[in-house]
Amino acid sequence: CHHRPHYRTEDILLRRHGVRVPRHTLCHSDKVAADTLEPLYKLIHQGLLQTGNLQADETPVRYLDPGKGKTSTGYFWVIHGPRCGIKGDILYQWHPSRKAVCLDELLPDYQGNLQTDAYAGYAAWADRREGIDLASCWAHARREFHEALKIGQRLAAGPVAIIAKLYQIETALRESRATAGCRAELRRQQSTPVLEILKGELLALRQRPEVLPKSRLGRAIDYTLSLWDRLLLFVERGEIEIDNNLTENGIRPTAVGKKNWLFIGSETTGQRAAII
């Protein structure tokens, strides 16, 4: 809860309370907690796999690698089952790599929607599976244009404003607690015309001589158009969110933790942290 490394807890207990609890005892208590919680963890995992609509992401975490005498990079892979604009169950799974094969363990036998960022590992994994429909994230697309605008590429203001209209529609749907069916219907009526305007704007910008292909704006345009079909999937399927922000919010605690404890004790303890 406090994102605190065990050596600091050990010191606090001794200095403030005169209680000596070695950090290896605290590590052992982590193991007991993870072992106790694992059956519940597995039930949450099974429940998520049955929803047919998941978001996925991954975040790097350093861990001690004694054989190399330094830290290596592992990953918390994350799946989340959104509930029409409301955060649902979130599950972490630890892997010492970012290879697409990790998804075989995270999503065994899963079929349905999978909303992700543009990391190529998801597409590579989905290509060899049946029944997986990839959806992309509008927050990532918007971020590309926002970054171009921040460095003075003013033509990015048009796409940013148009994407903002999509989010206005989503805000109204969330506030009205619309069902998946209602969201799909209203998106077809209201979001589809906005998306058509946006695509026309992007194609027109691409033809302008001042928009260089390798500029920040040029890359933002190519990024969005290359994922266009995946970015449109949320319109037809009301259960899909417009972006992955709910999942990124679920990952945020690990970002706070990494600033404090810097790394996980070893490769084998990563899954304990994921379970807890």
C-alpha atoms as a PDB file:
ATOM      1  CA  CYS A   1       0.000   0.000   0.000  1.00  0.00           C
ATOM      2  CA  HIS A   2       2.877   2.377   0.736  1.00  0.00           C
ATOM      3  CA  HIS A   3       5.077   1.176  -2.148  1.00  0.00           C
ATOM      4  CA  ARG A   4       7.862   0.797   0.389  1.00  0.00           C
ATOM      5  CA  PRO A   5      10.923  -1.462   0.073  1.00  0.00           C
ATOM      6  CA  HIS A   6      11.471  -3.930   2.904  1.00  0.00           C
ATOM      7  CA  TYR A   7      14.790  -2.465   4.027  1.00  0.00           C
ATOM      8  CA  ARG A   8      12.954   0.786   4.778  1.00  0.00           C
ATOM      9  CA  THR A   9      10.173  -1.004   6.660  1.00  0.00           C
ATOM     10  CA  GLU A  10      12.809  -2.871   8.657  1.00  0.00           C
ATOM     11  CA  ASP A  11      14.448   0.418   9.617  1.00  0.00           C
ATOM     12  CA  ILE A  12      11.132   2.111  10.541  1.00  0.00           C
ATOM     13  CA  LEU A  13      10.054  -0.760  12.788  1.00  0.00           C
ATOM     14  CA  LEU A  14      13.399  -0.677  14.605  1.00  0.00           C
ATOM     15  CA  ARG A  15      13.756   3.097  14.996  1.00  0.00           C
ATOM     16  CA  ARG A  16      10.145   3.973  15.789  1.00  0.00           C
ATOM     17  CA  HIS A  17       9.023   0.917  17.711  1.00  0.00           C
ATOM     18  CA  GLY A  18      12.150  -0.904  18.831  1.00  0.00           C
ATOM     19  CA  VAL A  19      11.001  -4.030  17.000  1.00  0.00           C
ATOM     20  CA  ARG A  20      13.601  -5.952  15.015  1.00  0.00           C
ATOM     21  CA  VAL A  21      12.034  -7.680  11.994  1.00  0.00           C
ATOM     22  CA  PRO A  22      14.695  -8.719   9.455  1.00  0.00           C
ATOM     23  CA  ARG A  23      13.865  -8.066   5.832  1.00  0.00           C
ATOM     24  CA  HIS A  24      14.172 -11.776   4.998  1.00  0.00           C
ATOM     25  CA  THR A  25      11.251 -12.319   7.418  1.00  0.00           C
ATOM     26  CA  LEU A  26       9.254  -9.694   5.530  1.00  0.00           C
ATOM     27  CA  CYS A  27      10.134 -11.437   2.254  1.00  0.00           C
ATOM     28  CA  HIS A  28       8.908 -14.717   3.713  1.00  0.00           C
ATOM     29  CA  SER A  29       5.627 -13.068   4.700  1.00  0.00           C
ATOM     30  CA  ASP A  30       5.259 -11.962   1.056  1.00  0.00           C
ATOM     31  CA  LYS A  31       5.633 -15.564  -0.044  1.00  0.00           C
ATOM     32  CA  VAL A  32       3.003 -16.732   2.463  1.00  0.00           C
ATOM     33  CA  ALA A  33       0.630 -13.976   1.331  1.00  0.00           C
ATOM     34  CA  ALA A  34       1.117 -14.806  -2.363  1.00  0.00           C
ATOM     35  CA  ASP A  35       0.640 -18.542  -1.770  1.00  0.00           C
ATOM     36  CA  THR A  36      -2.537 -17.846   0.218  1.00  0.00           C
ATOM     37  CA  LEU A  37      -3.947 -15.496  -2.427  1.00  0.00           C
ATOM     38  CA  GLU A  38      -3.033 -17.599  -5.471  1.00  0.00           C
ATOM     39  CA  PRO A  39      -6.348 -19.526  -5.662  1.00  0.00           C
ATOM     40  CA  LEU A  40      -8.246 -16.214  -5.714  1.00  0.00           C
ATOM     41  CA  TYR A  41      -5.779 -14.882  -8.287  1.00  0.00           C
ATOM     42  CA  LYS A  42      -6.500 -17.872 -10.538  1.00  0.00           C
ATOM     43  CA  LEU A  43     -10.258 -17.347 -10.232  1.00  0.00           C
ATOM     44  CA  ILE A  44      -9.880 -13.706 -11.262  1.00  0.00           C
ATOM     45  CA  HIS A  45      -7.768 -14.820 -14.220  1.00  0.00           C
ATOM     46  CA  GLN A  46     -10.350 -17.380 -15.326  1.00  0.00           C
ATOM     47  CA  GLY A  47     -13.135 -14.824 -15.000  1.00  0.00           C
ATOM     48  CA  LEU A  48     -11.320 -12.311 -17.159  1.00  0.00           C
ATOM     49  CA  LEU A  49     -10.627 -14.866 -19.873  1.00  0.00           C
ATOM     50  CA  GLN A  50     -14.346 -15.570 -20.132  1.00  0.00           C
ATOM     51  CA  THR A  51     -15.407 -11.942 -20.681  1.00  0.00           C
ATOM     52  CA  GLY A  52     -14.585 -11.814 -24.402  1.00  0.00           C
ATOM     53  CA  ASN A  53     -13.510  -8.177 -24.079  1.00  0.00           C
ATOM     54  CA  LEU A  54     -10.107  -7.355 -22.609  1.00  0.00           C
ATOM     55  CA  GLN A  55      -7.495  -4.646 -22.621  1.00  0.00           C
ATOM     56  CA  ALA A  56      -3.811  -5.523 -22.317  1.00  0.00           C
ATOM     57  CA  ASP A  57      -0.614  -3.662 -21.584  1.00  0.00           C
ATOM     58  CA  GLU A  58       2.835  -4.268 -20.128  1.00  0.00           C
ATOM     59  CA  THR A  59       5.219  -2.249 -17.995  1.00  0.00           C
ATOM     60  CA  PRO A  60       8.947  -2.799 -17.366  1.00  0.00           C
ATOM     61  CA  VAL A  61      10.260  -3.635 -13.894  1.00  0.00           C
ATOM     62  CA  ARG A  62      13.916  -4.140 -12.999  1.00  0.00           C
ATOM     63  CA  TYR A  63      14.908  -7.267 -11.088  1.00  0.00           C
ATOM     64  CA  LEU A  64      18.154  -8.569  -9.620  1.00  0.00           C
ATOM     65  CA  ASP A  65      20.015 -10.985 -11.833  1.00  0.00           C
ATOM     66  CA  PRO A  66      22.784 -12.423  -9.595  1.00  0.00           C
ATOM     67  CA  GLY A  67      24.465 -14.338 -12.411  1.00  0.00           C
ATOM     68  CA  LYS A  68      25.087 -11.102 -14.283  1.00  0.00           C
ATOM     69  CA  GLY A  69      25.949  -9.066 -11.199  1.00  0.00           C
ATOM     70  CA  LYS A  70      23.408  -6.396 -12.130  1.00  0.00           C
ATOM     71  CA  THR A  71      19.694  -5.836 -12.688  1.00  0.00           C
ATOM     72  CA  SER A  72      17.788  -7.016 -15.755  1.00  0.00           C
ATOM     73  CA  THR A  73      14.451  -5.891 -17.132  1.00  0.00           C
ATOM     74  CA  GLY A  74      11.319  -7.951 -16.629  1.00  0.00           C
ATOM     75  CA  TYR A  75       7.700  -7.033 -17.275  1.00  0.00           C
ATOM     76  CA  PHE A  76       4.379  -6.962 -15.532  1.00  0.00           C
ATOM     77  CA  TRP A  77       1.897  -7.944 -18.241  1.00  0.00           C
ATOM     78  CA  VAL A  78      -1.597  -6.697 -17.442  1.00  0.00           C
ATOM     79  CA  ILE A  79      -5.106  -7.583 -18.567  1.00  0.00           C
ATOM     80  CA  HIS A  80      -8.228  -5.633 -17.638  1.00  0.00           C
ATOM     81  CA  GLY A  81     -11.916  -6.296 -18.192  1.00  0.00           C
ATOM     82  CA  PRO A  82     -13.656  -2.900 -18.643  1.00  0.00           C
ATOM     83  CA  ARG A  83     -17.369  -2.578 -17.929  1.00  0.00           C
ATOM     84  CA  CYS A  84     -18.775   0.075 -20.275  1.00  0.00           C
ATOM     85  CA  GLY A  85     -16.655   2.938 -19.019  1.00  0.00           C
ATOM     86  CA  ILE A  86     -16.099   1.544 -15.525  1.00  0.00           C
ATOM     87  CA  LYS A  87     -12.881  -0.082 -14.349  1.00  0.00           C
ATOM     88  CA  GLY A  88     -13.248  -3.841 -13.922  1.00  0.00           C
ATOM     89  CA  ASP A  89     -10.923  -6.567 -12.651  1.00  0.00           C
ATOM     90  CA  ILE A  90      -7.206  -6.112 -13.355  1.00  0.00           C
ATOM     91  CA  LEU A  91      -4.657  -8.923 -13.307  1.00  0.00           C
ATOM     92  CA  TYR A  92      -0.859  -8.714 -13.362  1.00  0.00           C
ATOM     93  CA  GLN A  93       1.378 -11.508 -14.581  1.00  0.00           C
ATOM     94  CA  TRP A  94       5.165 -11.439 -14.290  1.00  0.00           C
ATOM     95  CA  HIS A  95       7.517 -12.419 -17.118  1.00  0.00           C
ATOM     96  CA  PRO A  96      11.261 -11.809 -17.479  1.00  0.00           C
ATOM     97  CA  SER A  97      10.789 -10.664 -21.096  1.00  0.00           C
ATOM     98  CA  ARG A  98       8.510  -8.735 -23.446  1.00  0.00           C
ATOM     99  CA  LYS A  99       8.289 -11.465 -26.075  1.00  0.00           C
ATOM    100  CA  ALA A 100       4.883 -12.121 -27.625  1.00  0.00           C
ATOM    101  CA  VAL A 101       5.050 -15.734 -26.435  1.00  0.00           C
ATOM    102  CA  CYS A 102       4.303 -14.430 -22.904  1.00  0.00           C
ATOM    103  CA  LEU A 103       0.729 -13.884 -24.096  1.00  0.00           C
ATOM    104  CA  ASP A 104       0.283 -17.652 -24.449  1.00  0.00           C
ATOM    105  CA  GLU A 105       0.349 -17.872 -20.664  1.00  0.00           C
ATOM    106  CA  LEU A 106      -1.484 -14.619 -20.028  1.00  0.00           C
ATOM    107  CA  LEU A 107      -4.294 -15.319 -22.510  1.00  0.00           C
ATOM    108  CA  PRO A 108      -4.537 -19.118 -22.939  1.00  0.00           C
ATOM    109  CA  ASP A 109      -7.482 -20.126 -25.136  1.00  0.00           C
ATOM    110  CA  TYR A 110      -8.838 -16.560 -25.030  1.00  0.00           C
ATOM    111  CA  GLN A 111     -11.153 -15.423 -27.822  1.00  0.00           C
ATOM    112  CA  GLY A 112     -12.711 -12.006 -28.250  1.00  0.00           C
ATOM    113  CA  ASN A 113     -11.721  -8.339 -28.400  1.00  0.00           C
ATOM    114  CA  LEU A 114      -8.236  -7.345 -27.290  1.00  0.00           C
ATOM    115  CA  GLN A 115      -7.506  -3.634 -27.020  1.00  0.00           C
ATOM    116  CA  THR A 116      -3.816  -2.689 -26.891  1.00  0.00           C
ATOM    117  CA  ASP A 117      -1.294  -0.066 -27.866  1.00  0.00           C
ATOM    118  CA  ALA A 118       0.691  -0.416 -31.090  1.00  0.00           C
ATOM    119  CA  TYR A 119       3.357  -2.782 -29.717  1.00  0.00           C
ATOM    120  CA  ALA A 120       3.958  -5.260 -32.556  1.00  0.00           C
ATOM    121  CA  GLY A 121       4.048  -8.241 -30.176  1.00  0.00           C
ATOM    122  CA  TYR A 122       0.267  -8.199 -29.839  1.00  0.00           C
ATOM    123  CA  ALA A 123      -0.300  -8.306 -33.600  1.00  0.00           C
ATOM    124  CA  ALA A 124       2.305 -11.063 -34.018  1.00  0.00           C
ATOM    125  CA  TRP A 125       0.583 -13.116 -31.324  1.00  0.00           C
ATOM    126  CA  ALA A 126      -2.932 -12.491 -32.692  1.00  0.00           C
ATOM    127  CA  ASP A 127      -1.850 -13.476 -36.227  1.00  0.00           C
ATOM    128  CA  ARG A 128      -1.251 -17.056 -35.101  1.00  0.00           C
ATOM    129  CA  ARG A 129      -4.473 -17.296 -33.091  1.00  0.00           C
ATOM    130  CA  GLU A 130      -8.099 -17.571 -34.176  1.00  0.00           C
ATOM    131  CA  GLY A 131     -10.905 -15.508 -32.713  1.00  0.00           C
ATOM    132  CA  ILE A 132      -8.838 -12.480 -31.648  1.00  0.00           C
ATOM    133  CA  ASP A 133     -10.006  -9.052 -32.821  1.00  0.00           C
ATOM    134  CA  LEU A 134      -7.459  -6.346 -32.093  1.00  0.00           C
ATOM    135  CA  ALA A 135      -8.657  -2.852 -31.196  1.00  0.00           C
ATOM    136  CA  SER A 136      -6.373   0.145 -30.829  1.00  0.00           C
ATOM    137  CA  CYS A 137      -6.305   3.059 -28.409  1.00  0.00           C
ATOM    138  CA  TRP A 138      -7.329   6.598 -29.334  1.00  0.00           C
ATOM    139  CA  ALA A 139      -5.421   8.051 -26.377  1.00  0.00           C
ATOM    140  CA  HIS A 140      -2.162   6.874 -27.946  1.00  0.00           C
ATOM    141  CA  ALA A 141      -3.148   8.361 -31.322  1.00  0.00           C
ATOM    142  CA  ARG A 142      -4.155  11.660 -29.714  1.00  0.00           C
ATOM    143  CA  ARG A 143      -0.873  11.741 -27.784  1.00  0.00           C
ATOM    144  CA  GLU A 144       1.103  11.657 -31.028  1.00  0.00           C
ATOM    145  CA  PHE A 145      -0.660  14.770 -32.339  1.00  0.00           C
ATOM    146  CA  HIS A 146      -0.459  16.493 -28.962  1.00  0.00           C
ATOM    147  CA  GLU A 147       3.322  15.997 -28.910  1.00  0.00           C
ATOM    148  CA  ALA A 148       3.572  17.486 -32.404  1.00  0.00           C
ATOM    149  CA  LEU A 149       1.540  20.495 -31.274  1.00  0.00           C
ATOM    150  CA  LYS A 150       3.759  20.961 -28.207  1.00  0.00           C
ATOM    151  CA  ILE A 151       6.847  21.429 -30.371  1.00  0.00           C
ATOM    152  CA  GLY A 152       5.142  24.062 -32.517  1.00  0.00           C
ATOM    153  CA  GLN A 153       3.698  22.062 -35.416  1.00  0.00           C
ATOM    154  CA  ARG A 154       0.445  24.018 -35.462  1.00  0.00           C
ATOM    155  CA  LEU A 155      -1.240  21.937 -38.133  1.00  0.00           C
ATOM    156  CA  ALA A 156      -1.629  19.243 -35.461  1.00  0.00           C
ATOM    157  CA  ALA A 157      -4.270  21.417 -33.787  1.00  0.00           C
ATOM    158  CA  GLY A 158      -6.905  20.281 -36.299  1.00  0.00           C
ATOM    159  CA  PRO A 159      -6.666  16.532 -35.533  1.00  0.00           C
ATOM    160  CA  VAL A 160      -6.431  17.260 -31.791  1.00  0.00           C
ATOM    161  CA  ALA A 161      -9.684  19.257 -31.931  1.00  0.00           C
ATOM    162  CA  ILE A 162     -11.484  16.589 -33.969  1.00  0.00           C
ATOM    163  CA  ILE A 163     -10.386  13.779 -31.641  1.00  0.00           C
ATOM    164  CA  ALA A 164     -11.631  15.908 -28.728  1.00  0.00           C
ATOM    165  CA  LYS A 165     -15.131  15.677 -30.244  1.00  0.00           C
ATOM    166  CA  LEU A 166     -14.912  11.874 -30.043  1.00  0.00           C
ATOM    167  CA  TYR A 167     -14.098  12.174 -26.362  1.00  0.00           C
ATOM    168  CA  GLN A 168     -17.009  14.536 -25.772  1.00  0.00           C
ATOM    169  CA  ILE A 169     -19.325  11.837 -27.104  1.00  0.00           C
ATOM    170  CA  GLU A 170     -17.699   9.262 -24.814  1.00  0.00           C
ATOM    171  CA  THR A 171     -18.061  11.536 -21.790  1.00  0.00           C
ATOM    172  CA  ALA A 172     -21.808  11.832 -22.422  1.00  0.00           C
ATOM    173  CA  LEU A 173     -22.123   8.047 -22.793  1.00  0.00           C
ATOM    174  CA  ARG A 174     -20.232   7.467 -19.553  1.00  0.00           C
ATOM    175  CA  GLU A 175     -22.289  10.011 -17.617  1.00  0.00           C
ATOM    176  CA  SER A 176     -25.527   8.424 -18.840  1.00  0.00           C
ATOM    177  CA  ARG A 177     -24.203   4.940 -17.957  1.00  0.00           C
ATOM    178  CA  ALA A 178     -25.116   3.716 -21.419  1.00  0.00           C
ATOM    179  CA  THR A 179     -25.185  -0.014 -22.108  1.00  0.00           C
ATOM    180  CA  ALA A 180     -22.968  -1.621 -24.746  1.00  0.00           C
ATOM    181  CA  GLY A 181     -25.850  -1.723 -27.234  1.00  0.00           C
ATOM    182  CA  CYS A 182     -26.700   1.924 -26.666  1.00  0.00           C
ATOM    183  CA  ARG A 183     -23.056   2.929 -26.948  1.00  0.00           C
ATOM    184  CA  ALA A 184     -22.714   1.154 -30.298  1.00  0.00           C
ATOM    185  CA  GLU A 185     -25.849   2.803 -31.684  1.00  0.00           C
ATOM    186  CA  LEU A 186     -24.917   6.323 -30.574  1.00  0.00           C
ATOM    187  CA  ARG A 187     -21.347   5.902 -31.755  1.00  0.00           C
ATOM    188  CA  ARG A 188     -22.584   4.905 -35.215  1.00  0.00           C
ATOM    189  CA  GLN A 189     -24.790   7.998 -35.294  1.00  0.00           C
ATOM    190  CA  GLN A 190     -22.416  10.535 -33.737  1.00  0.00           C
ATOM    191  CA  SER A 191     -18.840   9.247 -33.840  1.00  0.00           C
ATOM    192  CA  THR A 192     -18.813   7.884 -37.403  1.00  0.00           C
ATOM    193  CA  PRO A 193     -19.241  11.345 -39.041  1.00  0.00           C
ATOM    194  CA  VAL A 194     -16.471  12.734 -36.829  1.00  0.00           C
ATOM    195  CA  LEU A 195     -14.159   9.887 -37.825  1.00  0.00           C
ATOM    196  CA  GLU A 196     -14.848  10.514 -41.507  1.00  0.00           C
ATOM    197  CA  ILE A 197     -13.918  14.171 -41.063  1.00  0.00           C
ATOM    198  CA  LEU A 198     -10.759  13.179 -39.204  1.00  0.00           C
ATOM    199  CA  LYS A 199      -9.632  10.750 -41.890  1.00  0.00           C
ATOM    200  CA  GLY A 200     -10.190  13.388 -44.571  1.00  0.00           C
ATOM    201  CA  GLU A 201      -8.154  15.863 -42.531  1.00  0.00           C
ATOM    202  CA  LEU A 202      -5.278  13.415 -42.103  1.00  0.00           C
ATOM    203  CA  LEU A 203      -5.170  12.540 -45.798  1.00  0.00           C
ATOM    204  CA  ALA A 204      -5.198  16.235 -46.707  1.00  0.00           C
ATOM    205  CA  LEU A 205      -2.422  17.046 -44.234  1.00  0.00           C
ATOM    206  CA  ARG A 206      -0.308  14.236 -45.612  1.00  0.00           C
ATOM    207  CA  GLN A 207      -0.324  15.939 -49.047  1.00  0.00           C
ATOM    208  CA  ARG A 208       0.855  19.296 -47.729  1.00  0.00           C
ATOM    209  CA  PRO A 209       4.529  19.965 -48.593  1.00  0.00           C
ATOM    210  CA  GLU A 210       5.303  21.405 -45.144  1.00  0.00           C
ATOM    211  CA  VAL A 211       4.277  18.152 -43.429  1.00  0.00           C
ATOM    212  CA  LEU A 212       7.405  16.063 -43.819  1.00  0.00           C
ATOM    213  CA  PRO A 213       6.970  12.272 -43.464  1.00  0.00           C
ATOM    214  CA  LYS A 214       9.606  12.051 -40.721  1.00  0.00           C
ATOM    215  CA  SER A 215       8.360  15.082 -38.800  1.00  0.00           C
ATOM    216  CA  ARG A 216       6.461  14.562 -35.556  1.00  0.00           C
ATOM    217  CA  LEU A 217       3.178  15.395 -37.278  1.00  0.00           C
ATOM    218  CA  GLY A 218       3.982  13.195 -40.260  1.00  0.00           C
ATOM    219  CA  ARG A 219       4.692  10.265 -37.950  1.00  0.00           C
ATOM    220  CA  ALA A 220       1.461  10.953 -36.018  1.00  0.00           C
ATOM    221  CA  ILE A 221      -0.539  10.833 -39.236  1.00  0.00           C
ATOM    222  CA  ASP A 222       1.084   7.594 -40.385  1.00  0.00           C
ATOM    223  CA  TYR A 223       0.650   6.044 -36.939  1.00  0.00           C
ATOM    224  CA  THR A 224      -3.082   6.796 -36.912  1.00  0.00           C
ATOM    225  CA  LEU A 225      -3.792   5.756 -40.502  1.00  0.00           C
ATOM    226  CA  SER A 226      -1.816   2.515 -40.145  1.00  0.00           C
ATOM    227  CA  LEU A 227      -4.075   1.520 -37.214  1.00  0.00           C
ATOM    228  CA  TRP A 228      -7.276   2.962 -38.683  1.00  0.00           C
ATOM    229  CA  ASP A 229      -9.280  -0.267 -38.877  1.00  0.00           C
ATOM    230  CA  ARG A 230      -8.399  -1.162 -35.295  1.00  0.00           C
ATOM    231  CA  LEU A 231      -9.232   2.362 -34.155  1.00  0.00           C
ATOM    232  CA  LEU A 232     -12.695   2.065 -35.736  1.00  0.00           C
ATOM    233  CA  LEU A 233     -13.627  -1.184 -33.980  1.00  0.00           C
ATOM    234  CA  PHE A 234     -14.970   0.603 -30.887  1.00  0.00           C
ATOM    235  CA  VAL A 235     -17.740   2.174 -32.979  1.00  0.00           C
ATOM    236  CA  GLU A 236     -19.344  -1.130 -33.953  1.00  0.00           C
ATOM    237  CA  ARG A 237     -18.757  -2.904 -30.648  1.00  0.00           C
ATOM    238  CA  GLY A 238     -20.153  -0.959 -27.756  1.00  0.00           C
ATOM    239  CA  GLU A 239     -18.339  -3.027 -25.135  1.00  0.00           C
ATOM    240  CA  ILE A 240     -14.964  -1.720 -26.367  1.00  0.00           C
ATOM    241  CA  GLU A 241     -13.605   1.477 -24.806  1.00  0.00           C
ATOM    242  CA  ILE A 242     -12.294   4.380 -26.838  1.00  0.00           C
ATOM    243  CA  ASP A 243      -8.879   3.974 -25.209  1.00  0.00           C
ATOM    244  CA  ASN A 244      -6.751   1.975 -22.788  1.00  0.00           C
ATOM    245  CA  ASN A 245      -6.724   4.642 -20.068  1.00  0.00           C
ATOM    246  CA  LEU A 246      -8.506   2.471 -17.502  1.00  0.00           C
ATOM    247  CA  THR A 247      -5.749  -0.110 -17.858  1.00  0.00           C
ATOM    248  CA  GLU A 248      -2.993   2.495 -17.671  1.00  0.00           C
ATOM    249  CA  ASN A 249      -4.578   3.789 -14.457  1.00  0.00           C
ATOM    250  CA  GLY A 250      -4.429   0.233 -13.126  1.00  0.00           C
ATOM    251  CA  ILE A 251      -0.700   0.076 -13.872  1.00  0.00           C
ATOM    252  CA  ARG A 252       0.014   3.382 -12.117  1.00  0.00           C
ATOM    253  CA  PRO A 253       0.727   1.824  -8.680  1.00  0.00           C
ATOM    254  CA  THR A 254       3.724   0.003 -10.143  1.00  0.00           C
ATOM    255  CA  ALA A 255       5.109   3.329 -11.381  1.00  0.00           C
ATOM    256  CA  VAL A 256       4.893   4.730  -7.852  1.00  0.00           C
ATOM    257  CA  GLY A 257       6.471   1.563  -6.478  1.00  0.00           C
ATOM    258  CA  LYS A 258       9.398   1.561  -8.901  1.00  0.00           C
ATOM    259  CA  LYS A 259      10.427   5.009  -7.722  1.00  0.00           C
ATOM    260  CA  ASN A 260      10.722   3.638  -4.187  1.00  0.00           C
ATOM    261  CA  TRP A 261      11.932   0.058  -4.361  1.00  0.00           C
ATOM    262  CA  LEU A 262      13.773   0.409  -7.723  1.00  0.00           C
ATOM    263  CA  PHE A 263      13.833  -3.329  -8.478  1.00  0.00           C
ATOM    264  CA  ILE A 264      12.376  -6.716  -7.516  1.00  0.00           C
ATOM    265  CA  GLY A 265      14.592  -9.042  -5.487  1.00  0.00           C
ATOM    266  CA  SER A 266      14.916 -11.721  -8.159  1.00  0.00           C
ATOM    267  CA  GLU A 267      13.247 -13.163 -11.227  1.00  0.00           C
ATOM    268  CA  THR A 268      11.357 -15.752  -9.175  1.00  0.00           C
ATOM    269  CA  THR A 269       9.777 -13.185  -6.844  1.00  0.00           C
ATOM    270  CA  GLY A 270       8.182 -11.147  -9.648  1.00  0.00           C
ATOM    271  CA  GLN A 271       5.071 -13.334  -9.752  1.00  0.00           C
ATOM    272  CA  ARG A 272       4.584 -12.957  -5.987  1.00  0.00           C
ATOM    273  CA  ALA A 273       4.356  -9.214  -6.481  1.00  0.00           C
ATOM    274  CA  ALA A 274       1.974  -9.729  -9.406  1.00  0.00           C
ATOM    275  CA  ILE A 275      -0.370 -11.890  -7.317  1.00  0.00           C
ATOM    276  CA  ILE A 276      -0.406  -9.509  -4.347  1.00  0.00           C
END
